[in-house]
PDB file of N, CA and C in Angstrom:
ATOM      1  N   MET A   1     -60.220 -70.219  94.987  1.00  0.00           N
ATOM      2  CA  MET A   1     -61.101 -71.281  95.473  1.00  0.00           C
ATOM      3  C   MET A   1     -62.332 -71.390  94.608  1.00  0.00           C
ATOM      4  N   ASN A   2     -62.987 -70.350  94.235  1.00  0.00           N
ATOM      5  CA  ASN A   2     -64.178 -70.432  93.421  1.00  0.00           C
ATOM      6  C   ASN A   2     -63.967 -69.609  92.236  1.00  0.00           C
ATOM      7  N   ASP A   3     -64.349 -70.085  91.069  1.00  0.00           N
ATOM      8  CA  ASP A   3     -64.145 -69.378  89.833  1.00  0.00           C
ATOM      9  C   ASP A   3     -65.309 -68.546  89.441  1.00  0.00           C
ATOM     10  N   LEU A   4     -66.280 -68.331  90.343  1.00  0.00           N
ATOM     11  CA  LEU A   4     -67.359 -67.365  90.084  1.00  0.00           C
ATOM     12  C   LEU A   4     -66.793 -66.021  90.520  1.00  0.00           C
ATOM     13  N   PRO A   5     -66.609 -65.137  89.589  1.00  0.00           N
ATOM     14  CA  PRO A   5     -65.903 -63.858  89.868  1.00  0.00           C
ATOM     15  C   PRO A   5     -66.558 -62.936  90.940  1.00  0.00           C
ATOM     16  N   ASP A   6     -67.909 -63.103  91.161  1.00  0.00           N
ATOM     17  CA  ASP A   6     -68.587 -62.275  92.156  1.00  0.00           C
ATOM     18  C   ASP A   6     -68.652 -62.893  93.529  1.00  0.00           C
ATOM     19  N   ALA A   7     -68.057 -64.072  93.687  1.00  0.00           N
ATOM     20  CA  ALA A   7     -68.083 -64.831  94.928  1.00  0.00           C
ATOM     21  C   ALA A   7     -67.170 -64.068  95.938  1.00  0.00           C
ATOM     22  N   ARG A   8     -67.667 -64.041  97.180  1.00  0.00           N
ATOM     23  CA  ARG A   8     -66.953 -63.415  98.276  1.00  0.00           C
ATOM     24  C   ARG A   8     -65.617 -64.111  98.563  1.00  0.00           C
ATOM     25  N   CYS A   9     -65.476 -65.358  98.090  1.00  0.00           N
ATOM     26  CA  CYS A   9     -64.260 -66.103  98.347  1.00  0.00           C
ATOM     27  C   CYS A   9     -63.343 -66.140  97.141  1.00  0.00           C
ATOM     28  N   ALA A  10     -63.704 -65.467  96.100  1.00  0.00           N
ATOM     29  CA  ALA A  10     -63.000 -65.586  94.837  1.00  0.00           C
ATOM     30  C   ALA A  10     -61.499 -65.193  94.909  1.00  0.00           C
ATOM     31  N   ASP A  11     -61.172 -64.305  95.909  1.00  0.00           N
ATOM     32  CA  ASP A  11     -59.780 -63.941  96.011  1.00  0.00           C
ATOM     33  C   ASP A  11     -58.870 -64.921  96.701  1.00  0.00           C
ATOM     34  N   GLY A  12     -59.493 -65.931  97.265  1.00  0.00           N
ATOM     35  CA  GLY A  12     -58.733 -67.040  97.892  1.00  0.00           C
ATOM     36  C   GLY A  12     -58.148 -66.713  99.269  1.00  0.00           C
ATOM     37  N   SER A  13     -58.423 -65.474  99.805  1.00  0.00           N
ATOM     38  CA  SER A  13     -57.864 -65.137 101.122  1.00  0.00           C
ATOM     39  C   SER A  13     -58.455 -65.872 102.293  1.00  0.00           C
ATOM     40  N   SER A  14     -59.666 -66.439 102.077  1.00  0.00           N
ATOM     41  CA  SER A  14     -60.237 -67.210 103.210  1.00  0.00           C
ATOM     42  C   SER A  14     -60.292 -68.731 102.923  1.00  0.00           C
ATOM     43  N   HIS A  15     -59.475 -69.188 102.076  1.00  0.00           N
ATOM     44  CA  HIS A  15     -59.473 -70.620 101.649  1.00  0.00           C
ATOM     45  C   HIS A  15     -59.387 -71.582 102.845  1.00  0.00           C
ATOM     46  N   ASP A  16     -58.557 -71.274 103.819  1.00  0.00           N
ATOM     47  CA  ASP A  16     -58.407 -72.137 104.960  1.00  0.00           C
ATOM     48  C   ASP A  16     -59.652 -72.280 105.745  1.00  0.00           C
ATOM     49  N   LEU A  17     -60.545 -71.285 105.825  1.00  0.00           N
ATOM     50  CA  LEU A  17     -61.791 -71.412 106.577  1.00  0.00           C
ATOM     51  C   LEU A  17     -62.689 -72.354 105.862  1.00  0.00           C
ATOM     52  N   PHE A  18     -62.742 -72.343 104.517  1.00  0.00           N
ATOM     53  CA  PHE A  18     -63.699 -73.150 103.779  1.00  0.00           C
ATOM     54  C   PHE A  18     -63.316 -74.648 103.649  1.00  0.00           C
ATOM     55  N   PHE A  19     -62.106 -74.947 104.063  1.00  0.00           N
ATOM     56  CA  PHE A  19     -61.703 -76.401 104.003  1.00  0.00           C
ATOM     57  C   PHE A  19     -61.029 -76.778 105.367  1.00  0.00           C
ATOM     58  N   SER A  20     -61.432 -76.154 106.441  1.00  0.00           N
ATOM     59  CA  SER A  20     -60.916 -76.518 107.803  1.00  0.00           C
ATOM     60  C   SER A  20     -61.593 -77.713 108.274  1.00  0.00           C
ATOM     61  N   GLU A  21     -60.925 -78.328 109.303  1.00  0.00           N
ATOM     62  CA  GLU A  21     -61.623 -79.505 110.060  1.00  0.00           C
ATOM     63  C   GLU A  21     -62.278 -78.991 111.292  1.00  0.00           C
ATOM     64  N   HIS A  22     -62.141 -77.729 111.625  1.00  0.00           N
ATOM     65  CA  HIS A  22     -62.689 -77.178 112.857  1.00  0.00           C
ATOM     66  C   HIS A  22     -64.029 -76.621 112.642  1.00  0.00           C
ATOM     67  N   PRO A  23     -65.085 -77.012 113.356  1.00  0.00           N
ATOM     68  CA  PRO A  23     -66.383 -76.551 113.236  1.00  0.00           C
ATOM     69  C   PRO A  23     -66.504 -75.036 113.288  1.00  0.00           C
ATOM     70  N   SER A  24     -65.690 -74.447 114.095  1.00  0.00           N
ATOM     71  CA  SER A  24     -65.808 -72.895 114.237  1.00  0.00           C
ATOM     72  C   SER A  24     -65.312 -72.211 112.948  1.00  0.00           C
ATOM     73  N   ASP A  25     -64.353 -72.777 112.331  1.00  0.00           N
ATOM     74  CA  ASP A  25     -63.869 -72.258 110.973  1.00  0.00           C
ATOM     75  C   ASP A  25     -64.917 -72.436 109.934  1.00  0.00           C
ATOM     76  N   LEU A  26     -65.496 -73.622 109.880  1.00  0.00           N
ATOM     77  CA  LEU A  26     -66.558 -73.836 108.906  1.00  0.00           C
ATOM     78  C   LEU A  26     -67.738 -72.905 109.146  1.00  0.00           C
ATOM     79  N   ALA A  27     -68.126 -72.634 110.399  1.00  0.00           N
ATOM     80  CA  ALA A  27     -69.235 -71.722 110.760  1.00  0.00           C
ATOM     81  C   ALA A  27     -68.859 -70.296 110.213  1.00  0.00           C
ATOM     82  N   ALA A  28     -67.547 -69.900 110.341  1.00  0.00           N
ATOM     83  CA  ALA A  28     -67.061 -68.611 109.850  1.00  0.00           C
ATOM     84  C   ALA A  28     -67.263 -68.576 108.299  1.00  0.00           C
ATOM     85  N   ALA A  29     -66.887 -69.630 107.698  1.00  0.00           N
ATOM     86  CA  ALA A  29     -66.993 -69.725 106.199  1.00  0.00           C
ATOM     87  C   ALA A  29     -68.491 -69.568 105.793  1.00  0.00           C
ATOM     88  N   GLN A  30     -69.317 -70.324 106.530  1.00  0.00           N
ATOM     89  CA  GLN A  30     -70.743 -70.205 106.244  1.00  0.00           C
ATOM     90  C   GLN A  30     -71.271 -68.752 106.370  1.00  0.00           C
ATOM     91  N   ALA A  31     -70.837 -68.155 107.429  1.00  0.00           N
ATOM     92  CA  ALA A  31     -71.210 -66.733 107.593  1.00  0.00           C
ATOM     93  C   ALA A  31     -70.757 -65.798 106.445  1.00  0.00           C
ATOM     94  N   LEU A  32     -69.577 -66.068 105.852  1.00  0.00           N
ATOM     95  CA  LEU A  32     -69.146 -65.339 104.727  1.00  0.00           C
ATOM     96  C   LEU A  32     -70.050 -65.598 103.511  1.00  0.00           C
ATOM     97  N   CYS A  33     -70.657 -66.795 103.428  1.00  0.00           N
ATOM     98  CA  CYS A  33     -71.512 -67.192 102.283  1.00  0.00           C
ATOM     99  C   CYS A  33     -72.926 -66.538 102.436  1.00  0.00           C
ATOM    100  N   MET A  34     -73.290 -66.159 103.577  1.00  0.00           N
ATOM    101  CA  MET A  34     -74.767 -65.762 103.832  1.00  0.00           C
ATOM    102  C   MET A  34     -75.198 -64.614 102.904  1.00  0.00           C
ATOM    103  N   ASP A  35     -74.316 -63.692 102.655  1.00  0.00           N
ATOM    104  CA  ASP A  35     -74.786 -62.558 101.779  1.00  0.00           C
ATOM    105  C   ASP A  35     -74.000 -62.492 100.460  1.00  0.00           C
ATOM    106  N   CYS A  36     -73.511 -63.639 100.064  1.00  0.00           N
ATOM    107  CA  CYS A  36     -72.703 -63.739  98.841  1.00  0.00           C
ATOM    108  C   CYS A  36     -73.746 -63.716  97.659  1.00  0.00           C
ATOM    109  N   ALA A  37     -73.352 -62.936  96.604  1.00  0.00           N
ATOM    110  CA  ALA A  37     -74.200 -62.820  95.446  1.00  0.00           C
ATOM    111  C   ALA A  37     -74.407 -64.113  94.642  1.00  0.00           C
ATOM    112  N   VAL A  38     -73.472 -64.993  94.732  1.00  0.00           N
ATOM    113  CA  VAL A  38     -73.520 -66.241  93.881  1.00  0.00           C
ATOM    114  C   VAL A  38     -73.641 -67.454  94.795  1.00  0.00           C
ATOM    115  N   ARG A  39     -74.301 -67.407  95.857  1.00  0.00           N
ATOM    116  CA  ARG A  39     -74.483 -68.470  96.793  1.00  0.00           C
ATOM    117  C   ARG A  39     -75.154 -69.661  96.069  1.00  0.00           C
ATOM    118  N   ARG A  40     -76.277 -69.416  95.511  1.00  0.00           N
ATOM    119  CA  ARG A  40     -76.923 -70.589  94.815  1.00  0.00           C
ATOM    120  C   ARG A  40     -76.177 -71.171  93.710  1.00  0.00           C
ATOM    121  N   PRO A  41     -75.567 -70.391  92.695  1.00  0.00           N
ATOM    122  CA  PRO A  41     -74.865 -71.058  91.721  1.00  0.00           C
ATOM    123  C   PRO A  41     -73.617 -71.810  92.261  1.00  0.00           C
ATOM    124  N   CYS A  42     -73.002 -71.345  93.318  1.00  0.00           N
ATOM    125  CA  CYS A  42     -71.973 -72.030  93.950  1.00  0.00           C
ATOM    126  C   CYS A  42     -72.349 -73.346  94.485  1.00  0.00           C
ATOM    127  N   LEU A  43     -73.488 -73.405  95.205  1.00  0.00           N
ATOM    128  CA  LEU A  43     -74.009 -74.683  95.701  1.00  0.00           C
ATOM    129  C   LEU A  43     -74.443 -75.613  94.597  1.00  0.00           C
ATOM    130  N   GLU A  44     -75.023 -75.110  93.562  1.00  0.00           N
ATOM    131  CA  GLU A  44     -75.476 -75.845  92.432  1.00  0.00           C
ATOM    132  C   GLU A  44     -74.227 -76.554  91.777  1.00  0.00           C
ATOM    133  N   ARG A  45     -73.154 -75.747  91.631  1.00  0.00           N
ATOM    134  CA  ARG A  45     -71.977 -76.275  90.993  1.00  0.00           C
ATOM    135  C   ARG A  45     -71.308 -77.357  91.842  1.00  0.00           C
ATOM    136  N   ALA A  46     -71.343 -77.146  93.151  1.00  0.00           N
ATOM    137  CA  ALA A  46     -70.738 -78.179  94.028  1.00  0.00           C
ATOM    138  C   ALA A  46     -71.439 -79.439  94.001  1.00  0.00           C
ATOM    139  N   LEU A  47     -72.808 -79.366  93.907  1.00  0.00           N
ATOM    140  CA  LEU A  47     -73.637 -80.586  93.795  1.00  0.00           C
ATOM    141  C   LEU A  47     -73.414 -81.242  92.469  1.00  0.00           C
ATOM    142  N   ALA A  48     -73.329 -80.456  91.432  1.00  0.00           N
ATOM    143  CA  ALA A  48     -73.154 -81.068  90.041  1.00  0.00           C
ATOM    144  C   ALA A  48     -71.736 -81.707  89.934  1.00  0.00           C
ATOM    145  N   LEU A  49     -70.760 -81.061  90.507  1.00  0.00           N
ATOM    146  CA  LEU A  49     -69.434 -81.652  90.389  1.00  0.00           C
ATOM    147  C   LEU A  49     -69.114 -82.776  91.437  1.00  0.00           C
ATOM    148  N   GLY A  50     -70.027 -82.856  92.392  1.00  0.00           N
ATOM    149  CA  GLY A  50     -69.816 -83.946  93.400  1.00  0.00           C
ATOM    150  C   GLY A  50     -68.730 -83.590  94.412  1.00  0.00           C
ATOM    151  N   CYS A  51     -68.586 -82.348  94.821  1.00  0.00           N
ATOM    152  CA  CYS A  51     -67.543 -81.935  95.742  1.00  0.00           C
ATOM    153  C   CYS A  51     -67.585 -82.774  96.989  1.00  0.00           C
ATOM    154  N   ASP A  52     -66.443 -83.140  97.465  1.00  0.00           N
ATOM    155  CA  ASP A  52     -66.379 -83.982  98.626  1.00  0.00           C
ATOM    156  C   ASP A  52     -66.239 -83.301  99.987  1.00  0.00           C
ATOM    157  N   TRP A  53     -65.679 -82.102 100.006  1.00  0.00           N
ATOM    158  CA  TRP A  53     -65.310 -81.498 101.222  1.00  0.00           C
ATOM    159  C   TRP A  53     -65.341 -79.961 101.106  1.00  0.00           C
ATOM    160  N   GLY A  54     -65.715 -79.283 102.092  1.00  0.00           N
ATOM    161  CA  GLY A  54     -65.613 -77.845 102.236  1.00  0.00           C
ATOM    162  C   GLY A  54     -67.030 -77.205 102.355  1.00  0.00           C
ATOM    163  N   VAL A  55     -66.935 -75.939 102.335  1.00  0.00           N
ATOM    164  CA  VAL A  55     -68.218 -75.090 102.399  1.00  0.00           C
ATOM    165  C   VAL A  55     -68.464 -74.559 101.041  1.00  0.00           C
ATOM    166  N   TRP A  56     -69.636 -74.828 100.450  1.00  0.00           N
ATOM    167  CA  TRP A  56     -70.052 -74.427  99.152  1.00  0.00           C
ATOM    168  C   TRP A  56     -71.392 -73.832  99.238  1.00  0.00           C
ATOM    169  N   GLY A  57     -71.535 -72.485  98.907  1.00  0.00           N
ATOM    170  CA  GLY A  57     -72.869 -71.912  98.936  1.00  0.00           C
ATOM    171  C   GLY A  57     -73.435 -71.827 100.409  1.00  0.00           C
ATOM    172  N   GLY A  58     -72.524 -71.887 101.368  1.00  0.00           N
ATOM    173  CA  GLY A  58     -73.053 -71.864 102.804  1.00  0.00           C
ATOM    174  C   GLY A  58     -73.397 -73.165 103.344  1.00  0.00           C
ATOM    175  N   VAL A  59     -73.169 -74.244 102.577  1.00  0.00           N
ATOM    176  CA  VAL A  59     -73.508 -75.609 103.084  1.00  0.00           C
ATOM    177  C   VAL A  59     -72.213 -76.381 103.197  1.00  0.00           C
ATOM    178  N   VAL A  60     -72.024 -77.135 104.335  1.00  0.00           N
ATOM    179  CA  VAL A  60     -70.894 -77.943 104.645  1.00  0.00           C
ATOM    180  C   VAL A  60     -71.031 -79.303 103.925  1.00  0.00           C
ATOM    181  N   PHE A  61     -70.024 -79.625 103.179  1.00  0.00           N
ATOM    182  CA  PHE A  61     -69.888 -80.914 102.483  1.00  0.00           C
ATOM    183  C   PHE A  61     -68.897 -81.735 103.206  1.00  0.00           C
ATOM    184  N   ILE A  62     -69.243 -82.952 103.621  1.00  0.00           N
ATOM    185  CA  ILE A  62     -68.361 -83.938 104.236  1.00  0.00           C
ATOM    186  C   ILE A  62     -68.539 -85.284 103.456  1.00  0.00           C
ATOM    187  N   ASP A  63     -67.493 -85.780 102.944  1.00  0.00           N
ATOM    188  CA  ASP A  63     -67.656 -87.047 102.200  1.00  0.00           C
ATOM    189  C   ASP A  63     -68.617 -86.977 101.136  1.00  0.00           C
ATOM    190  N   GLY A  64     -68.774 -85.816 100.496  1.00  0.00           N
ATOM    191  CA  GLY A  64     -69.681 -85.673  99.352  1.00  0.00           C
ATOM    192  C   GLY A  64     -71.104 -85.420  99.754  1.00  0.00           C
ATOM    193  N   ARG A  65     -71.462 -85.361 100.989  1.00  0.00           N
ATOM    194  CA  ARG A  65     -72.800 -85.186 101.466  1.00  0.00           C
ATOM    195  C   ARG A  65     -73.006 -83.733 102.121  1.00  0.00           C
ATOM    196  N   PRO A  66     -74.072 -83.046 101.820  1.00  0.00           N
ATOM    197  CA  PRO A  66     -74.294 -81.740 102.408  1.00  0.00           C
ATOM    198  C   PRO A  66     -74.891 -81.859 103.814  1.00  0.00           C
ATOM    199  N   PHE A  67     -74.444 -80.972 104.663  1.00  0.00           N
ATOM    200  CA  PHE A  67     -74.944 -80.941 106.050  1.00  0.00           C
ATOM    201  C   PHE A  67     -75.207 -79.507 106.474  1.00  0.00           C
ATOM    202  N   HIS A  68     -76.087 -79.329 107.479  1.00  0.00           N
ATOM    203  CA  HIS A  68     -76.320 -77.967 108.049  1.00  0.00           C
ATOM    204  C   HIS A  68     -75.023 -77.489 108.552  1.00  0.00           C
ATOM    205  N   ARG A  69     -74.286 -78.226 109.280  1.00  0.00           N
ATOM    206  CA  ARG A  69     -73.016 -77.820 109.982  1.00  0.00           C
ATOM    207  C   ARG A  69     -72.194 -79.081 110.274  1.00  0.00           C
ATOM    208  N   LYS A  70     -70.948 -78.835 110.556  1.00  0.00           N
ATOM    209  CA  LYS A  70     -70.093 -79.935 110.993  1.00  0.00           C
ATOM    210  C   LYS A  70     -70.200 -80.038 112.526  1.00  0.00           C
ATOM    211  N   ARG A  71     -70.445 -81.231 112.997  1.00  0.00           N
ATOM    212  CA  ARG A  71     -70.628 -81.530 114.369  1.00  0.00           C
ATOM    213  C   ARG A  71     -69.218 -81.528 115.042  1.00  0.00           C
ATOM    214  N   GLY A  72     -69.247 -81.258 116.344  1.00  0.00           N
ATOM    215  CA  GLY A  72     -68.019 -81.327 117.135  1.00  0.00           C
ATOM    216  C   GLY A  72     -67.705 -82.828 117.390  1.00  0.00           C
ATOM    217  N   ARG A  73     -66.763 -83.112 118.154  1.00  0.00           N
ATOM    218  CA  ARG A  73     -66.408 -84.423 118.498  1.00  0.00           C
ATOM    219  C   ARG A  73     -67.374 -85.022 119.475  1.00  0.00           C
ATOM    220  N   GLY A  74     -67.437 -86.346 119.554  1.00  0.00           N
ATOM    221  CA  GLY A  74     -68.392 -86.998 120.483  1.00  0.00           C
ATOM    222  C   GLY A  74     -69.456 -87.738 119.773  1.00  0.00           C
ATOM    223  N   ARG A  75     -70.279 -88.430 120.523  1.00  0.00           N
ATOM    224  CA  ARG A  75     -71.299 -89.162 119.980  1.00  0.00           C
ATOM    225  C   ARG A  75     -72.461 -88.272 119.510  1.00  0.00           C
ATOM    226  N   PRO A  76     -72.968 -88.468 118.289  1.00  0.00           N
ATOM    227  CA  PRO A  76     -74.041 -87.564 117.818  1.00  0.00           C
ATOM    228  C   PRO A  76     -75.349 -87.862 118.553  1.00  0.00           C
ATOM    229  N   SER A  77     -76.133 -86.764 118.706  1.00  0.00           N
ATOM    230  CA  SER A  77     -77.455 -86.912 119.353  1.00  0.00           C
ATOM    231  C   SER A  77     -78.417 -87.533 118.247  1.00  0.00           C
ATOM    232  N   ARG A  78     -79.550 -87.985 118.690  1.00  0.00           N
ATOM    233  CA  ARG A  78     -80.515 -88.531 117.764  1.00  0.00           C
ATOM    234  C   ARG A  78     -80.874 -87.550 116.670  1.00  0.00           C
ATOM    235  N   ASN A  79     -81.032 -86.251 117.083  1.00  0.00           N
ATOM    236  CA  ASN A  79     -81.405 -85.220 116.156  1.00  0.00           C
ATOM    237  C   ASN A  79     -80.221 -85.032 115.097  1.00  0.00           C
ATOM    238  N   ASP A  80     -78.997 -85.077 115.473  1.00  0.00           N
ATOM    239  CA  ASP A  80     -77.960 -84.911 114.576  1.00  0.00           C
ATOM    240  C   ASP A  80     -77.854 -86.053 113.571  1.00  0.00           C
ATOM    241  N   LEU A  81     -78.301 -87.246 113.982  1.00  0.00           N
ATOM    242  CA  LEU A  81     -78.261 -88.426 113.034  1.00  0.00           C
ATOM    243  C   LEU A  81     -79.294 -88.106 111.915  1.00  0.00           C
ATOM    244  N   GLN A  82     -80.188 -87.259 112.046  1.00  0.00           N
ATOM    245  CA  GLN A  82     -81.201 -86.935 111.042  1.00  0.00           C
ATOM    246  C   GLN A  82     -80.822 -85.675 110.256  1.00  0.00           C
ATOM    247  N   ARG A  83     -79.630 -85.059 110.567  1.00  0.00           N
ATOM    248  CA  ARG A  83     -79.317 -83.770 109.966  1.00  0.00           C
ATOM    249  C   ARG A  83     -78.842 -83.792 108.513  1.00  0.00           C
ATOM    250  N   PRO A  84     -78.323 -84.888 107.897  1.00  0.00           N
ATOM    251  CA  PRO A  84     -77.964 -84.859 106.550  1.00  0.00           C
ATOM    252  C   PRO A  84     -79.141 -84.415 105.704  1.00  0.00           C
ATOM    253  N   LEU A  85     -78.858 -83.599 104.744  1.00  0.00           N
ATOM    254  CA  LEU A  85     -79.947 -82.993 103.865  1.00  0.00           C
ATOM    255  C   LEU A  85     -80.081 -83.758 102.610  1.00  0.00           C
ATOM    256  N   GLU A  86     -81.281 -83.649 102.054  1.00  0.00           N
ATOM    257  CA  GLU A  86     -81.572 -84.264 100.737  1.00  0.00           C
ATOM    258  C   GLU A  86     -81.057 -83.301  99.676  1.00  0.00           C
ATOM    259  N   VAL A  87     -80.367 -83.789  98.746  1.00  0.00           N
ATOM    260  CA  VAL A  87     -79.748 -82.991  97.669  1.00  0.00           C
ATOM    261  C   VAL A  87     -80.796 -82.409  96.676  1.00  0.00           C
ATOM    262  N   GLU A  88     -81.947 -83.040  96.602  1.00  0.00           N
ATOM    263  CA  GLU A  88     -82.931 -82.729  95.569  1.00  0.00           C
ATOM    264  C   GLU A  88     -83.427 -81.235  95.634  1.00  0.00           C
ATOM    265  N   ASP A  89     -83.522 -80.664  96.839  1.00  0.00           N
ATOM    266  CA  ASP A  89     -84.081 -79.335  97.004  1.00  0.00           C
ATOM    267  C   ASP A  89     -83.035 -78.348  97.454  1.00  0.00           C
ATOM    268  N   ILE A  90     -82.434 -77.666  96.497  1.00  0.00           N
ATOM    269  CA  ILE A  90     -81.418 -76.693  96.709  1.00  0.00           C
ATOM    270  C   ILE A  90     -81.923 -75.478  97.603  1.00  0.00           C
ATOM    271  N   ALA A  91     -83.131 -75.141  97.357  1.00  0.00           N
ATOM    272  CA  ALA A  91     -83.704 -74.015  98.171  1.00  0.00           C
ATOM    273  C   ALA A  91     -83.692 -74.380  99.631  1.00  0.00           C
ATOM    274  N   ASP A  92     -84.086 -75.553 100.009  1.00  0.00           N
ATOM    275  CA  ASP A  92     -84.047 -75.974 101.385  1.00  0.00           C
ATOM    276  C   ASP A  92     -82.633 -76.011 101.929  1.00  0.00           C
ATOM    277  N   LEU A  93     -81.695 -76.434 101.151  1.00  0.00           N
ATOM    278  CA  LEU A  93     -80.313 -76.402 101.558  1.00  0.00           C
ATOM    279  C   LEU A  93     -79.893 -74.986 101.906  1.00  0.00           C
ATOM    280  N   LEU A  94     -80.194 -74.096 101.045  1.00  0.00           N
ATOM    281  CA  LEU A  94     -79.807 -72.721 101.275  1.00  0.00           C
ATOM    282  C   LEU A  94     -80.470 -72.102 102.500  1.00  0.00           C
ATOM    283  N   ARG A  95     -81.746 -72.355 102.739  1.00  0.00           N
ATOM    284  CA  ARG A  95     -82.482 -71.855 103.882  1.00  0.00           C
ATOM    285  C   ARG A  95     -81.876 -72.450 105.177  1.00  0.00           C
ATOM    286  N   SER A  96     -81.464 -73.722 105.209  1.00  0.00           N
ATOM    287  CA  SER A  96     -81.086 -74.350 106.367  1.00  0.00           C
ATOM    288  C   SER A  96     -79.602 -74.061 106.768  1.00  0.00           C
ATOM    289  N   ALA A  97     -78.815 -73.615 105.843  1.00  0.00           N
ATOM    290  CA  ALA A  97     -77.358 -73.365 106.143  1.00  0.00           C
ATOM    291  C   ALA A  97     -77.188 -72.129 107.052  1.00  0.00           C
TER     292      ALA A  97
END
């Protein structure tokens, strides 16, 4: 999944979590990223490559946009409408994930 050799996901065994459509799977993938040694380079690469989908560096990407988390079904709350993150500040993305 990730060509960064020190990445916790480099062996591909958790691939399904990182590209699932279920919020609970994506949260599990984010948890794997939390103490990964290459979290920031992974996120930087995903932003540079314009990744459309998946969990990269602990941040959920949906349609090419980074989010704190994937929302469950139903109408979003007003707070959730404001949840998409600005790409310019990678440090804030990492802190928020």
